[in-house]
Amino acid sequence: MYALMNQLWLDYLTLNPQAAAINRLLAENEAVANDHIALRTMAHAKTNIQQLAQHFLTLGYTPADCYHFATKKLDAQYFIHLQRPRWPKIFISQLTMSQCSTYLQNVIEQAINDIPDDFCQAADCLYRGRIWPASYPIYCRLAEESEYAAWWYALGFHANHFTVNVNQLLPKTQLEEVNQKLKRAGYALNPHGGEIKGHESDGLKQSATLADKREIDFIEGKFEIPTCYYEFAERFTLSNGQLFQGFVTQSADKIFQSTDRY
């Protein structure tokens, strides 16, 4: 378990190195606890949620709630480890290609054709990145229809974000204070739906940086695009006395836009 999470984290840092600096900013002398890790994929037999999730199920994770994002044509499910509740939740989303344009379907199908049939059998598939050639003009055209599809086409398989568990930061703090500290340090926050998405009454408040931008290799050369971002989650106790463990669809919908081009 620790080996897989560490590899995901190290790979993520190559695309979002500012996450390490943010950890030092928020908890200089303490380890930062991770609330959840998010992965993106396509609703295809080779690469769907179930294909990626198998590597967490073998570690004792259990499927939890499913979510649907109609406007973005996305479905998602999260997984939790009941015996080790402090282990990060795993949130995996997928694009329903059949609901997209013929152009998008053809581009993504061509990329998937370059993926070996047994690609998802090894856990390193989760951080292998892109294994197909990608064109920058095609990336730009995909982004006009689906920023999500463009991100996946350009970058492939990575954790698109890790998430700071605000509840476990020391000294005790709230999400509003975290955001202020981030902005004072010069980090730009995702403004969609407000800097803070959700309310205490929802059981979850979230914010996120805008995705770091890195130069990525395309057929035509290197181009700077949004890569990965860092999220911050503060969870609240529900009326049943239990700490809310799930996600809020309306908030997650806006969090996805942290990787949009700006």
C-alpha atoms as a PDB file:
ATOM      1  CA  MET A   1       0.000   0.000   0.000  1.00  0.00           C
ATOM      2  CA  TYR A   2       2.632   2.512   1.059  1.00  0.00           C
ATOM      3  CA  ALA A   3       4.772   1.697  -1.975  1.00  0.00           C
ATOM      4  CA  LEU A   4       1.889   2.378  -4.387  1.00  0.00           C
ATOM      5  CA  MET A   5       0.883   5.615  -2.678  1.00  0.00           C
ATOM      6  CA  ASN A   6       4.481   6.787  -2.632  1.00  0.00           C
ATOM      7  CA  GLN A   7       4.896   6.113  -6.355  1.00  0.00           C
ATOM      8  CA  LEU A   8       1.677   7.989  -7.114  1.00  0.00           C
ATOM      9  CA  TRP A   9       2.883  10.911  -4.997  1.00  0.00           C
ATOM     10  CA  LEU A  10       6.351  11.051  -6.566  1.00  0.00           C
ATOM     11  CA  ASP A  11       4.864  10.924 -10.057  1.00  0.00           C
ATOM     12  CA  TYR A  12       2.342  13.636  -9.126  1.00  0.00           C
ATOM     13  CA  LEU A  13       5.154  15.881  -7.868  1.00  0.00           C
ATOM     14  CA  THR A  14       6.853  15.770 -11.277  1.00  0.00           C
ATOM     15  CA  LEU A  15       3.776  17.537 -12.693  1.00  0.00           C
ATOM     16  CA  ASN A  16       2.898  19.632  -9.633  1.00  0.00           C
ATOM     17  CA  PRO A  17       6.104  20.299  -7.661  1.00  0.00           C
ATOM     18  CA  GLN A  18       4.453  23.178  -5.831  1.00  0.00           C
ATOM     19  CA  ALA A  19       2.552  20.583  -3.739  1.00  0.00           C
ATOM     20  CA  ALA A  20       5.715  19.868  -1.738  1.00  0.00           C
ATOM     21  CA  ALA A  21       6.186  23.585  -1.044  1.00  0.00           C
ATOM     22  CA  ILE A  22       2.540  23.888   0.006  1.00  0.00           C
ATOM     23  CA  ASN A  23       3.019  21.019   2.463  1.00  0.00           C
ATOM     24  CA  ARG A  24       5.889  22.900   4.066  1.00  0.00           C
ATOM     25  CA  LEU A  25       3.797  26.060   4.173  1.00  0.00           C
ATOM     26  CA  LEU A  26       0.842  24.391   5.893  1.00  0.00           C
ATOM     27  CA  ALA A  27       2.646  22.070   8.291  1.00  0.00           C
ATOM     28  CA  GLU A  28       6.356  22.784   8.468  1.00  0.00           C
ATOM     29  CA  ASN A  29       7.030  20.357  11.308  1.00  0.00           C
ATOM     30  CA  GLU A  30       4.255  17.796  10.748  1.00  0.00           C
ATOM     31  CA  ALA A  31       3.352  15.306   8.046  1.00  0.00           C
ATOM     32  CA  VAL A  32       0.362  16.422   5.993  1.00  0.00           C
ATOM     33  CA  ALA A  33      -2.444  13.858   6.003  1.00  0.00           C
ATOM     34  CA  ASN A  34      -4.033  13.044   2.655  1.00  0.00           C
ATOM     35  CA  ASP A  35      -7.834  13.000   2.400  1.00  0.00           C
ATOM     36  CA  HIS A  36      -8.139  11.493  -1.077  1.00  0.00           C
ATOM     37  CA  ILE A  37      -6.378  10.865  -4.369  1.00  0.00           C
ATOM     38  CA  ALA A  38      -8.131  11.381  -7.711  1.00  0.00           C
ATOM     39  CA  LEU A  39      -7.539   9.564 -10.998  1.00  0.00           C
ATOM     40  CA  ARG A  40      -9.009  10.198 -14.439  1.00  0.00           C
ATOM     41  CA  THR A  41      -9.755   7.731 -17.209  1.00  0.00           C
ATOM     42  CA  MET A  42     -12.098   6.814 -20.050  1.00  0.00           C
ATOM     43  CA  ALA A  43     -15.216   4.658 -20.010  1.00  0.00           C
ATOM     44  CA  HIS A  44     -13.656   1.945 -22.161  1.00  0.00           C
ATOM     45  CA  ALA A  45     -13.197  -1.754 -21.431  1.00  0.00           C
ATOM     46  CA  LYS A  46      -9.400  -1.330 -21.388  1.00  0.00           C
ATOM     47  CA  THR A  47      -9.236   1.678 -19.102  1.00  0.00           C
ATOM     48  CA  ASN A  48     -12.472   2.157 -17.160  1.00  0.00           C
ATOM     49  CA  ILE A  49     -12.961   2.739 -13.433  1.00  0.00           C
ATOM     50  CA  GLN A  50     -13.029  -0.980 -12.685  1.00  0.00           C
ATOM     51  CA  GLN A  51      -9.710  -1.538 -14.441  1.00  0.00           C
ATOM     52  CA  LEU A  52      -7.973   1.094 -12.308  1.00  0.00           C
ATOM     53  CA  ALA A  53      -9.829   0.274  -9.113  1.00  0.00           C
ATOM     54  CA  GLN A  54      -8.709  -3.365  -9.042  1.00  0.00           C
ATOM     55  CA  HIS A  55      -5.305  -2.297  -7.691  1.00  0.00           C
ATOM     56  CA  PHE A  56      -6.944  -0.672  -4.662  1.00  0.00           C
ATOM     57  CA  LEU A  57      -9.454  -3.458  -4.101  1.00  0.00           C
ATOM     58  CA  THR A  58      -6.581  -5.929  -3.725  1.00  0.00           C
ATOM     59  CA  LEU A  59      -5.267  -3.687  -0.922  1.00  0.00           C
ATOM     60  CA  GLY A  60      -8.531  -3.954   0.996  1.00  0.00           C
ATOM     61  CA  TYR A  61     -10.404  -0.949  -0.358  1.00  0.00           C
ATOM     62  CA  THR A  62     -14.188  -1.140  -0.672  1.00  0.00           C
ATOM     63  CA  PRO A  63     -16.397   0.525  -3.326  1.00  0.00           C
ATOM     64  CA  ALA A  64     -18.505   3.366  -1.963  1.00  0.00           C
ATOM     65  CA  ASP A  65     -20.802   5.944  -3.581  1.00  0.00           C
ATOM     66  CA  CYS A  66     -21.086   6.705  -7.285  1.00  0.00           C
ATOM     67  CA  TYR A  67     -21.578  10.157  -8.802  1.00  0.00           C
ATOM     68  CA  HIS A  68     -22.759  11.534 -12.149  1.00  0.00           C
ATOM     69  CA  PHE A  69     -21.774  14.841 -13.730  1.00  0.00           C
ATOM     70  CA  ALA A  70     -24.202  15.315 -16.605  1.00  0.00           C
ATOM     71  CA  THR A  71     -22.770  18.519 -18.100  1.00  0.00           C
ATOM     72  CA  LYS A  72     -19.221  17.165 -18.166  1.00  0.00           C
ATOM     73  CA  LYS A  73     -20.386  13.686 -19.265  1.00  0.00           C
ATOM     74  CA  LEU A  74     -18.512  12.111 -16.362  1.00  0.00           C
ATOM     75  CA  ASP A  75     -19.194   9.310 -13.919  1.00  0.00           C
ATOM     76  CA  ALA A  76     -17.167   8.683 -10.774  1.00  0.00           C
ATOM     77  CA  GLN A  77     -16.880   6.353  -7.824  1.00  0.00           C
ATOM     78  CA  TYR A  78     -14.854   6.495  -4.666  1.00  0.00           C
ATOM     79  CA  PHE A  79     -13.275   3.731  -2.628  1.00  0.00           C
ATOM     80  CA  ILE A  80     -12.552   3.651   1.091  1.00  0.00           C
ATOM     81  CA  HIS A  81     -10.532   1.373   3.355  1.00  0.00           C
ATOM     82  CA  LEU A  82     -12.878   0.450   6.209  1.00  0.00           C
ATOM     83  CA  GLN A  83     -10.191  -1.190   8.347  1.00  0.00           C
ATOM     84  CA  ARG A  84      -7.829   1.766   7.947  1.00  0.00           C
ATOM     85  CA  PRO A  85     -10.070   4.836   7.712  1.00  0.00           C
ATOM     86  CA  ARG A  86      -7.087   7.201   7.804  1.00  0.00           C
ATOM     87  CA  TRP A  87      -5.817   5.811   4.525  1.00  0.00           C
ATOM     88  CA  PRO A  88      -6.730   8.193   1.682  1.00  0.00           C
ATOM     89  CA  LYS A  89      -9.950   7.653  -0.181  1.00  0.00           C
ATOM     90  CA  ILE A  90      -9.567   6.920  -3.895  1.00  0.00           C
ATOM     91  CA  PHE A  91     -11.778   8.912  -6.291  1.00  0.00           C
ATOM     92  CA  ILE A  92     -11.819   7.653  -9.897  1.00  0.00           C
ATOM     93  CA  SER A  93     -13.726   9.391 -12.679  1.00  0.00           C
ATOM     94  CA  GLN A  94     -14.282   8.493 -16.314  1.00  0.00           C
ATOM     95  CA  LEU A  95     -15.549  10.266 -19.412  1.00  0.00           C
ATOM     96  CA  THR A  96     -18.519   8.668 -21.179  1.00  0.00           C
ATOM     97  CA  MET A  97     -17.119   8.823 -24.691  1.00  0.00           C
ATOM     98  CA  SER A  98     -20.356   7.689 -26.325  1.00  0.00           C
ATOM     99  CA  GLN A  99     -21.965  10.981 -25.281  1.00  0.00           C
ATOM    100  CA  CYS A 100     -19.259  13.028 -26.987  1.00  0.00           C
ATOM    101  CA  SER A 101     -18.699  14.109 -30.586  1.00  0.00           C
ATOM    102  CA  THR A 102     -17.565  11.664 -33.237  1.00  0.00           C
ATOM    103  CA  TYR A 103     -14.310  13.613 -33.508  1.00  0.00           C
ATOM    104  CA  LEU A 104     -13.546  13.227 -29.791  1.00  0.00           C
ATOM    105  CA  GLN A 105     -14.487   9.550 -29.849  1.00  0.00           C
ATOM    106  CA  ASN A 106     -12.188   8.871 -32.792  1.00  0.00           C
ATOM    107  CA  VAL A 107      -9.224  10.676 -31.204  1.00  0.00           C
ATOM    108  CA  ILE A 108      -9.601   8.918 -27.870  1.00  0.00           C
ATOM    109  CA  GLU A 109     -10.188   5.536 -29.500  1.00  0.00           C
ATOM    110  CA  GLN A 110      -6.977   5.954 -31.475  1.00  0.00           C
ATOM    111  CA  ALA A 111      -5.087   6.706 -28.254  1.00  0.00           C
ATOM    112  CA  ILE A 112      -6.631   3.708 -26.510  1.00  0.00           C
ATOM    113  CA  ASN A 113      -5.669   1.491 -29.449  1.00  0.00           C
ATOM    114  CA  ASP A 114      -2.039   2.183 -28.502  1.00  0.00           C
ATOM    115  CA  ILE A 115      -2.617   0.807 -25.001  1.00  0.00           C
ATOM    116  CA  PRO A 116      -1.685  -2.888 -24.686  1.00  0.00           C
ATOM    117  CA  ASP A 117      -4.540  -5.187 -23.698  1.00  0.00           C
ATOM    118  CA  ASP A 118      -2.790  -6.118 -20.456  1.00  0.00           C
ATOM    119  CA  PHE A 119      -1.750  -2.552 -19.591  1.00  0.00           C
ATOM    120  CA  CYS A 120      -4.004  -2.254 -16.525  1.00  0.00           C
ATOM    121  CA  GLN A 121      -2.938  -5.573 -15.034  1.00  0.00           C
ATOM    122  CA  ALA A 122       0.086  -3.998 -13.344  1.00  0.00           C
ATOM    123  CA  ALA A 123      -0.356  -1.328 -10.681  1.00  0.00           C
ATOM    124  CA  ASP A 124       2.158   0.970 -12.360  1.00  0.00           C
ATOM    125  CA  CYS A 125      -0.509   1.682 -14.982  1.00  0.00           C
ATOM    126  CA  LEU A 126      -1.817   4.255 -12.492  1.00  0.00           C
ATOM    127  CA  TYR A 127       1.216   6.484 -12.995  1.00  0.00           C
ATOM    128  CA  ARG A 128       2.584   5.480 -16.400  1.00  0.00           C
ATOM    129  CA  GLY A 129       1.515   8.741 -17.999  1.00  0.00           C
ATOM    130  CA  ARG A 130       0.800   8.979 -21.723  1.00  0.00           C
ATOM    131  CA  ILE A 131       1.904   6.064 -23.914  1.00  0.00           C
ATOM    132  CA  TRP A 132       0.582   7.368 -27.256  1.00  0.00           C
ATOM    133  CA  PRO A 133       1.748  10.233 -29.496  1.00  0.00           C
ATOM    134  CA  ALA A 134      -0.270  13.425 -28.996  1.00  0.00           C
ATOM    135  CA  SER A 135      -0.724  16.470 -31.199  1.00  0.00           C
ATOM    136  CA  TYR A 136      -0.984  19.937 -29.680  1.00  0.00           C
ATOM    137  CA  PRO A 137      -3.608  21.207 -32.200  1.00  0.00           C
ATOM    138  CA  ILE A 138      -5.706  18.119 -31.463  1.00  0.00           C
ATOM    139  CA  TYR A 139      -5.308  18.770 -27.723  1.00  0.00           C
ATOM    140  CA  CYS A 140      -6.584  22.321 -28.237  1.00  0.00           C
ATOM    141  CA  ARG A 141      -9.564  21.151 -30.285  1.00  0.00           C
ATOM    142  CA  LEU A 142     -10.471  18.510 -27.701  1.00  0.00           C
ATOM    143  CA  ALA A 143     -10.340  21.146 -24.960  1.00  0.00           C
ATOM    144  CA  GLU A 144     -12.987  23.185 -26.755  1.00  0.00           C
ATOM    145  CA  GLU A 145     -15.396  20.279 -26.219  1.00  0.00           C
ATOM    146  CA  SER A 146     -14.036  18.673 -23.040  1.00  0.00           C
ATOM    147  CA  GLU A 147     -11.174  19.999 -20.908  1.00  0.00           C
ATOM    148  CA  TYR A 148     -11.216  16.599 -19.192  1.00  0.00           C
ATOM    149  CA  ALA A 149     -10.670  14.711 -22.454  1.00  0.00           C
ATOM    150  CA  ALA A 150      -7.896  17.097 -23.493  1.00  0.00           C
ATOM    151  CA  TRP A 151      -6.113  16.656 -20.155  1.00  0.00           C
ATOM    152  CA  TRP A 152      -6.221  12.868 -20.411  1.00  0.00           C
ATOM    153  CA  TYR A 153      -5.180  12.872 -24.077  1.00  0.00           C
ATOM    154  CA  ALA A 154      -2.143  15.043 -23.318  1.00  0.00           C
ATOM    155  CA  LEU A 155      -1.074  13.489 -20.016  1.00  0.00           C
ATOM    156  CA  GLY A 156      -2.484   9.982 -19.738  1.00  0.00           C
ATOM    157  CA  PHE A 157      -2.411   8.152 -16.419  1.00  0.00           C
ATOM    158  CA  HIS A 158      -1.464  10.163 -13.329  1.00  0.00           C
ATOM    159  CA  ALA A 159      -3.097  11.220 -10.101  1.00  0.00           C
ATOM    160  CA  ASN A 160      -4.588  14.540 -11.177  1.00  0.00           C
ATOM    161  CA  HIS A 161      -4.681  15.702  -7.567  1.00  0.00           C
ATOM    162  CA  PHE A 162      -3.903  14.824  -3.998  1.00  0.00           C
ATOM    163  CA  THR A 163      -5.879  16.426  -1.180  1.00  0.00           C
ATOM    164  CA  VAL A 164      -4.789  17.925   2.127  1.00  0.00           C
ATOM    165  CA  ASN A 165      -6.923  16.717   5.043  1.00  0.00           C
ATOM    166  CA  VAL A 166      -7.564  20.071   6.721  1.00  0.00           C
ATOM    167  CA  ASN A 167      -9.081  18.394   9.799  1.00  0.00           C
ATOM    168  CA  GLN A 168      -5.711  16.898  10.687  1.00  0.00           C
ATOM    169  CA  LEU A 169      -3.546  19.992  10.216  1.00  0.00           C
ATOM    170  CA  LEU A 170      -1.705  21.186  13.320  1.00  0.00           C
ATOM    171  CA  PRO A 171      -2.258  23.617  14.850  1.00  0.00           C
ATOM    172  CA  LYS A 172      -6.003  23.167  14.332  1.00  0.00           C
ATOM    173  CA  THR A 173      -7.244  25.310  11.480  1.00  0.00           C
ATOM    174  CA  GLN A 174     -10.149  25.847   9.099  1.00  0.00           C
ATOM    175  CA  LEU A 175     -10.328  25.888   5.312  1.00  0.00           C
ATOM    176  CA  GLU A 176     -10.797  29.654   5.225  1.00  0.00           C
ATOM    177  CA  GLU A 177      -7.489  30.106   7.053  1.00  0.00           C
ATOM    178  CA  VAL A 178      -5.767  27.654   4.723  1.00  0.00           C
ATOM    179  CA  ASN A 179      -6.963  29.611   1.694  1.00  0.00           C
ATOM    180  CA  GLN A 180      -5.733  32.897   3.137  1.00  0.00           C
ATOM    181  CA  LYS A 181      -2.316  31.410   3.835  1.00  0.00           C
ATOM    182  CA  LEU A 182      -2.122  30.048   0.280  1.00  0.00           C
ATOM    183  CA  LYS A 183      -3.068  33.373  -1.299  1.00  0.00           C
ATOM    184  CA  ARG A 184      -0.587  35.306   0.839  1.00  0.00           C
ATOM    185  CA  ALA A 185       2.083  32.914  -0.455  1.00  0.00           C
ATOM    186  CA  GLY A 186       1.080  33.661  -4.043  1.00  0.00           C
ATOM    187  CA  TYR A 187      -0.892  30.547  -4.976  1.00  0.00           C
ATOM    188  CA  ALA A 188      -3.905  31.066  -7.234  1.00  0.00           C
ATOM    189  CA  LEU A 189      -7.105  29.274  -6.203  1.00  0.00           C
ATOM    190  CA  ASN A 190      -9.810  27.787  -8.410  1.00  0.00           C
ATOM    191  CA  PRO A 191     -12.536  30.504  -8.503  1.00  0.00           C
ATOM    192  CA  HIS A 192     -15.321  28.410 -10.068  1.00  0.00           C
ATOM    193  CA  GLY A 193     -18.295  28.270  -7.734  1.00  0.00           C
ATOM    194  CA  GLY A 194     -16.364  30.449  -5.276  1.00  0.00           C
ATOM    195  CA  GLU A 195     -12.988  29.771  -3.742  1.00  0.00           C
ATOM    196  CA  ILE A 196     -14.696  27.494  -1.212  1.00  0.00           C
ATOM    197  CA  LYS A 197     -17.069  24.916  -2.646  1.00  0.00           C
ATOM    198  CA  GLY A 198     -19.695  23.455  -0.328  1.00  0.00           C
ATOM    199  CA  HIS A 199     -20.881  24.294   3.166  1.00  0.00           C
ATOM    200  CA  GLU A 200     -20.676  22.809   6.625  1.00  0.00           C
ATOM    201  CA  SER A 201     -24.285  21.671   6.177  1.00  0.00           C
ATOM    202  CA  ASP A 202     -23.110  19.533   3.203  1.00  0.00           C
ATOM    203  CA  GLY A 203     -20.562  17.812   5.420  1.00  0.00           C
ATOM    204  CA  LEU A 204     -17.677  18.956   3.222  1.00  0.00           C
ATOM    205  CA  LYS A 205     -15.959  22.186   2.208  1.00  0.00           C
ATOM    206  CA  GLN A 206     -13.314  22.107  -0.533  1.00  0.00           C
ATOM    207  CA  SER A 207     -10.921  24.415  -2.308  1.00  0.00           C
ATOM    208  CA  ALA A 208      -8.100  23.854  -4.785  1.00  0.00           C
ATOM    209  CA  THR A 209      -5.183  25.553  -6.438  1.00  0.00           C
ATOM    210  CA  LEU A 210      -5.261  26.087 -10.160  1.00  0.00           C
ATOM    211  CA  ALA A 211      -3.288  23.374 -11.928  1.00  0.00           C
ATOM    212  CA  ASP A 212       0.432  23.935 -12.221  1.00  0.00           C
ATOM    213  CA  LYS A 213       1.573  24.501 -15.806  1.00  0.00           C
ATOM    214  CA  ARG A 214       4.397  22.441 -17.259  1.00  0.00           C
ATOM    215  CA  GLU A 215       5.937  21.969 -20.692  1.00  0.00           C
ATOM    216  CA  ILE A 216       4.693  18.713 -22.200  1.00  0.00           C
ATOM    217  CA  ASP A 217       6.053  16.931 -25.269  1.00  0.00           C
ATOM    218  CA  PHE A 218       3.754  16.888 -28.284  1.00  0.00           C
ATOM    219  CA  ILE A 219       4.428  15.808 -31.871  1.00  0.00           C
ATOM    220  CA  GLU A 220       4.940  19.463 -32.801  1.00  0.00           C
ATOM    221  CA  GLY A 221       7.271  20.241 -29.876  1.00  0.00           C
ATOM    222  CA  LYS A 222       6.944  21.281 -26.231  1.00  0.00           C
ATOM    223  CA  PHE A 223       3.926  23.281 -25.110  1.00  0.00           C
ATOM    224  CA  GLU A 224       2.945  24.536 -21.667  1.00  0.00           C
ATOM    225  CA  ILE A 225      -0.390  23.190 -20.442  1.00  0.00           C
ATOM    226  CA  PRO A 226      -2.207  22.809 -17.081  1.00  0.00           C
ATOM    227  CA  THR A 227      -1.222  19.581 -15.356  1.00  0.00           C
ATOM    228  CA  CYS A 228      -2.127  18.779 -11.732  1.00  0.00           C
ATOM    229  CA  TYR A 229      -3.465  20.727  -8.757  1.00  0.00           C
ATOM    230  CA  TYR A 230      -3.642  20.453  -4.974  1.00  0.00           C
ATOM    231  CA  GLU A 231      -6.975  20.215  -3.189  1.00  0.00           C
ATOM    232  CA  PHE A 232      -7.925  20.994   0.411  1.00  0.00           C
ATOM    233  CA  ALA A 233     -10.859  19.320   2.179  1.00  0.00           C
ATOM    234  CA  GLU A 234     -12.476  20.051   5.533  1.00  0.00           C
ATOM    235  CA  ARG A 235     -15.029  17.482   6.684  1.00  0.00           C
ATOM    236  CA  PHE A 236     -17.832  17.906   9.236  1.00  0.00           C
ATOM    237  CA  THR A 237     -19.852  15.700  11.544  1.00  0.00           C
ATOM    238  CA  LEU A 238     -23.370  14.894  10.330  1.00  0.00           C
ATOM    239  CA  SER A 239     -26.548  14.760  12.396  1.00  0.00           C
ATOM    240  CA  ASN A 240     -25.953  11.025  12.900  1.00  0.00           C
ATOM    241  CA  GLY A 241     -22.735  11.820  14.746  1.00  0.00           C
ATOM    242  CA  GLN A 242     -20.522  10.444  11.940  1.00  0.00           C
ATOM    243  CA  LEU A 243     -17.883  12.408  10.071  1.00  0.00           C
ATOM    244  CA  PHE A 244     -18.984  12.812   6.441  1.00  0.00           C
ATOM    245  CA  GLN A 245     -16.784  10.620   4.206  1.00  0.00           C
ATOM    246  CA  GLY A 246     -18.276  11.117   0.758  1.00  0.00           C
ATOM    247  CA  PHE A 247     -18.270  13.853  -1.845  1.00  0.00           C
ATOM    248  CA  VAL A 248     -20.662  16.600  -2.953  1.00  0.00           C
ATOM    249  CA  THR A 249     -21.451  16.448  -6.665  1.00  0.00           C
ATOM    250  CA  GLN A 250     -22.012  20.177  -7.136  1.00  0.00           C
ATOM    251  CA  SER A 251     -18.691  20.980  -5.484  1.00  0.00           C
ATOM    252  CA  ALA A 252     -16.717  18.234  -7.252  1.00  0.00           C
ATOM    253  CA  ASP A 253     -18.090  19.492 -10.567  1.00  0.00           C
ATOM    254  CA  LYS A 254     -16.312  22.812  -9.981  1.00  0.00           C
ATOM    255  CA  ILE A 255     -13.151  21.194  -8.610  1.00  0.00           C
ATOM    256  CA  PHE A 256     -12.730  19.386 -11.954  1.00  0.00           C
ATOM    257  CA  GLN A 257     -12.213  22.805 -13.539  1.00  0.00           C
ATOM    258  CA  SER A 258      -8.940  23.301 -11.694  1.00  0.00           C
ATOM    259  CA  THR A 259      -7.223  21.792 -14.760  1.00  0.00           C
ATOM    260  CA  ASP A 260      -9.009  24.040 -17.281  1.00  0.00           C
ATOM    261  CA  ARG A 261      -6.854  26.265 -19.491  1.00  0.00           C
ATOM    262  CA  TYR A 262      -6.712  29.906 -18.414  1.00  0.00           C
END
